[in-house]
Amino acid sequence: SAAALRATLPAPPMRSSLRVTCTTGTGAFYGLLGGTATSRLPDAERTRIRRTEIGFVYQSHHLLPEFTALENVVLPQLIRGLGRAEAKTRAVELLGYLGLKARLNHRPAELSGGEQQRVAIARAVANAPRILLADEPTGNLDTKTAEHVFAAFTQLVRASGLATIIATHNMDIAARMDRRVTIRDGLAVEME
């Protein structure tokens, strides 16, 4: 349920606002975290931000083939420092929410493309990031599977209140976004 998901993925503490800013004219892009240019942070700090503040979903799932679906979702939480039992509980809840409760102990090669992508989505949100970046999250899937995965993805994002940026060439998916931006002549332009 959505309430159970919110309990599983509590909103991260509001330490500071996450802002992404593009400075035009110079060709340089800057990420700002609480007013600090992330480009000026040490590599270890930028790595910590990527690990704890940002979730990533790629066009290809990039699951670790030697690990089960459950282990693929537990692992990033362990790296972040969560205890094994809590990480497993969160992973089971997320995978169940995405319709994969019966597939927890299957390796990626034993999962369909849609199942693999839903595991990748669960992995991306397991650490309760503040923002989720998705690059063509359904681009490698057939139309029917893509629709199923996108519906699960959308439900998860809306239930958790997670800020999400999706890059896609699929205009059907883009049409369902709350806000659409395109790149035109090198500039970000709001779509109508």
Protein backbone atom coordinates (compact mmCIF):
# COMPACT_ATOMS: atom_id res chain seq x y z
CA SER A 1 0.00 0.00 0.00
CA ALA A 2 1.05 3.62 -0.40
CA ALA A 3 1.12 4.14 3.38
CA ALA A 4 3.41 1.14 3.85
CA LEU A 5 5.65 2.44 1.08
CA ARG A 6 5.91 5.86 2.71
CA ALA A 7 6.95 4.14 5.95
CA THR A 8 9.54 2.11 4.03
CA LEU A 9 10.85 5.16 2.19
CA PRO A 10 10.69 7.97 4.72
CA ALA A 11 11.37 11.40 3.37
CA PRO A 12 15.05 12.17 3.81
CA PRO A 13 15.76 14.74 6.51
CA MET A 14 15.59 18.28 5.20
CA ARG A 15 19.20 19.30 5.72
CA SER A 16 19.20 21.74 2.86
CA SER A 17 17.46 22.20 -0.42
CA LEU A 18 18.77 20.32 -3.42
CA ARG A 19 18.97 22.62 -6.41
CA VAL A 20 20.32 21.95 -9.86
CA THR A 21 21.36 25.02 -11.79
CA CYS A 22 22.68 25.48 -15.29
CA THR A 23 24.74 28.58 -15.97
CA THR A 24 24.13 29.51 -19.58
CA GLY A 25 26.53 31.34 -21.80
CA THR A 26 29.68 29.70 -20.43
CA GLY A 27 28.83 26.13 -21.39
CA ALA A 28 29.42 25.04 -17.78
CA PHE A 29 26.90 23.10 -15.71
CA TYR A 30 26.89 23.30 -11.94
CA GLY A 31 25.07 21.19 -9.40
CA LEU A 32 24.23 23.02 -6.20
CA LEU A 33 23.50 21.32 -2.92
CA GLY A 34 22.36 23.74 -0.26
CA GLY A 35 24.07 26.60 -2.07
CA THR A 36 27.40 24.77 -2.45
CA ALA A 37 28.70 24.06 -5.93
CA THR A 38 29.20 20.30 -5.97
CA SER A 39 31.97 20.73 -8.53
CA ARG A 40 34.04 22.32 -5.75
CA LEU A 41 33.56 19.43 -3.32
CA PRO A 42 36.18 16.71 -2.82
CA ASP A 43 35.60 13.51 -4.77
CA ALA A 44 34.70 11.56 -1.62
CA GLU A 45 31.93 14.06 -0.80
CA ARG A 46 30.55 13.98 -4.36
CA THR A 47 30.54 10.17 -4.13
CA ARG A 48 28.62 10.35 -0.84
CA ILE A 49 26.04 12.66 -2.44
CA ARG A 50 25.57 10.29 -5.39
CA ARG A 51 25.21 7.35 -3.00
CA THR A 52 22.77 8.98 -0.56
CA GLU A 53 20.98 11.85 -2.29
CA ILE A 54 20.48 10.64 -5.87
CA GLY A 55 18.94 7.47 -7.26
CA PHE A 56 19.70 6.35 -10.81
CA VAL A 57 17.66 4.21 -13.22
CA TYR A 58 19.37 3.44 -16.51
CA GLN A 59 17.94 2.29 -19.83
CA SER A 60 19.64 -1.03 -19.28
CA HIS A 61 19.08 -2.34 -15.75
CA HIS A 62 22.80 -2.82 -14.86
CA LEU A 63 21.95 -5.39 -12.18
CA LEU A 64 24.80 -7.45 -10.77
CA PRO A 65 24.33 -10.83 -12.50
CA GLU A 66 25.74 -12.97 -9.69
CA PHE A 67 23.25 -11.59 -7.13
CA THR A 68 19.52 -12.22 -6.73
CA ALA A 69 16.90 -9.51 -7.13
CA LEU A 70 16.78 -9.18 -3.35
CA GLU A 71 20.56 -8.94 -3.03
CA ASN A 72 20.73 -6.32 -5.80
CA VAL A 73 18.39 -4.10 -3.75
CA VAL A 74 20.01 -4.87 -0.37
CA LEU A 75 23.59 -4.18 -1.49
CA PRO A 76 23.40 -0.37 -1.97
CA GLN A 77 21.77 -0.07 1.44
CA LEU A 78 24.61 -2.02 3.07
CA ILE A 79 27.13 0.22 1.32
CA ARG A 80 25.29 3.22 2.75
CA GLY A 81 25.63 1.73 6.23
CA LEU A 82 22.18 0.29 6.90
CA GLY A 83 22.08 -2.94 8.91
CA ARG A 84 21.51 -6.19 7.00
CA ALA A 85 18.11 -6.95 8.59
CA GLU A 86 16.70 -3.47 7.95
CA ALA A 87 18.09 -3.43 4.39
CA LYS A 88 16.48 -6.80 3.67
CA THR A 89 13.14 -5.68 5.12
CA ARG A 90 13.17 -2.53 2.97
CA ALA A 91 14.19 -4.51 -0.14
CA VAL A 92 11.42 -7.08 0.34
CA GLU A 93 8.86 -4.28 0.82
CA LEU A 94 10.00 -2.40 -2.30
CA LEU A 95 10.18 -5.47 -4.51
CA GLY A 96 6.78 -6.59 -3.24
CA TYR A 97 5.33 -3.15 -3.99
CA LEU A 98 6.65 -3.48 -7.54
CA GLY A 99 5.03 -6.91 -7.95
CA LEU A 100 8.18 -9.01 -7.53
CA LYS A 101 7.58 -10.76 -4.20
CA ALA A 102 7.67 -14.18 -5.90
CA ARG A 103 10.92 -13.33 -7.72
CA LEU A 104 13.13 -12.22 -4.80
CA ASN A 105 15.59 -15.10 -5.10
CA HIS A 106 15.95 -15.06 -8.87
CA ARG A 107 19.10 -13.80 -10.57
CA PRO A 108 18.76 -11.20 -13.35
CA ALA A 109 19.16 -13.84 -16.11
CA GLU A 110 16.10 -15.61 -14.68
CA LEU A 111 13.95 -12.46 -14.83
CA SER A 112 12.13 -10.91 -17.77
CA GLY A 113 13.23 -7.50 -19.04
CA GLY A 114 10.36 -5.80 -17.24
CA GLU A 115 11.17 -7.60 -14.01
CA GLN A 116 14.84 -6.64 -14.31
CA GLN A 117 13.90 -3.00 -14.78
CA ARG A 118 11.57 -3.06 -11.76
CA VAL A 119 14.43 -4.48 -9.66
CA ALA A 120 16.60 -1.62 -10.94
CA ILE A 121 13.90 0.87 -9.90
CA ALA A 122 13.70 -0.69 -6.42
CA ARG A 123 17.50 -0.51 -6.15
CA ALA A 124 17.46 3.16 -7.19
CA VAL A 125 15.01 4.19 -4.46
CA ALA A 126 16.19 1.81 -1.71
CA ASN A 127 18.32 4.47 -0.02
CA ALA A 128 15.46 7.01 0.00
CA PRO A 129 17.22 9.49 -2.28
CA ARG A 130 16.01 13.08 -2.57
CA ILE A 131 15.99 12.94 -6.35
CA LEU A 132 15.68 10.15 -8.88
CA LEU A 133 17.27 10.41 -12.34
CA ALA A 134 15.97 8.01 -14.97
CA ASP A 135 17.48 7.70 -18.45
CA GLU A 136 15.00 6.03 -20.81
CA PRO A 137 13.78 3.70 -18.04
CA THR A 138 11.56 1.78 -20.48
CA GLY A 139 13.64 2.24 -23.64
CA ASN A 140 14.75 -1.42 -23.89
CA LEU A 141 11.29 -2.87 -23.34
CA ASP A 142 8.46 -3.82 -25.68
CA THR A 143 5.42 -1.52 -25.61
CA LYS A 144 3.25 -3.66 -23.30
CA THR A 145 6.06 -4.31 -20.82
CA ALA A 146 7.14 -0.67 -20.97
CA GLU A 147 3.60 0.41 -20.05
CA HIS A 148 3.53 -2.00 -17.09
CA VAL A 149 6.96 -0.87 -15.83
CA PHE A 150 6.14 2.81 -16.30
CA ALA A 151 2.85 2.41 -14.40
CA ALA A 152 4.70 0.75 -11.48
CA PHE A 153 7.42 3.41 -11.65
CA THR A 154 4.88 6.24 -11.63
CA GLN A 155 2.93 4.71 -8.76
CA LEU A 156 6.10 4.34 -6.69
CA VAL A 157 7.24 7.92 -7.38
CA ARG A 158 3.83 9.41 -6.57
CA ALA A 159 3.37 7.30 -3.41
CA SER A 160 6.80 8.23 -2.09
CA GLY A 161 6.76 11.90 -3.14
CA LEU A 162 10.17 11.48 -4.74
CA ALA A 163 11.38 14.25 -7.08
CA THR A 164 12.09 12.58 -10.42
CA ILE A 165 13.71 13.64 -13.68
CA ILE A 166 13.17 11.31 -16.64
CA ALA A 167 15.01 11.62 -19.93
CA THR A 168 13.04 10.03 -22.75
CA HIS A 169 12.42 10.14 -26.48
CA ASN A 170 9.04 8.46 -25.94
CA MET A 171 6.47 11.20 -26.39
CA ASP A 172 3.69 9.01 -24.93
CA ILE A 173 5.64 8.79 -21.67
CA ALA A 174 6.65 12.46 -21.82
CA ALA A 175 2.99 13.45 -22.20
CA ARG A 176 2.26 11.93 -18.76
CA MET A 177 4.86 14.02 -16.93
CA ASP A 178 3.82 16.87 -14.65
CA ARG A 179 6.32 19.12 -16.40
CA ARG A 180 8.08 18.66 -19.73
CA VAL A 181 11.27 20.34 -20.86
CA THR A 182 13.07 19.83 -24.16
CA ILE A 183 16.40 20.97 -25.52
CA ARG A 184 15.95 23.27 -28.50
CA ASP A 185 18.89 25.05 -30.12
CA GLY A 186 21.02 24.26 -27.08
CA LEU A 187 18.54 25.73 -24.59
CA ALA A 188 16.16 24.08 -22.14
CA VAL A 189 12.63 25.07 -23.23
CA GLU A 190 9.35 24.33 -21.43
CA MET A 191 7.02 22.17 -23.54
CA GLU A 192 3.30 22.95 -23.68
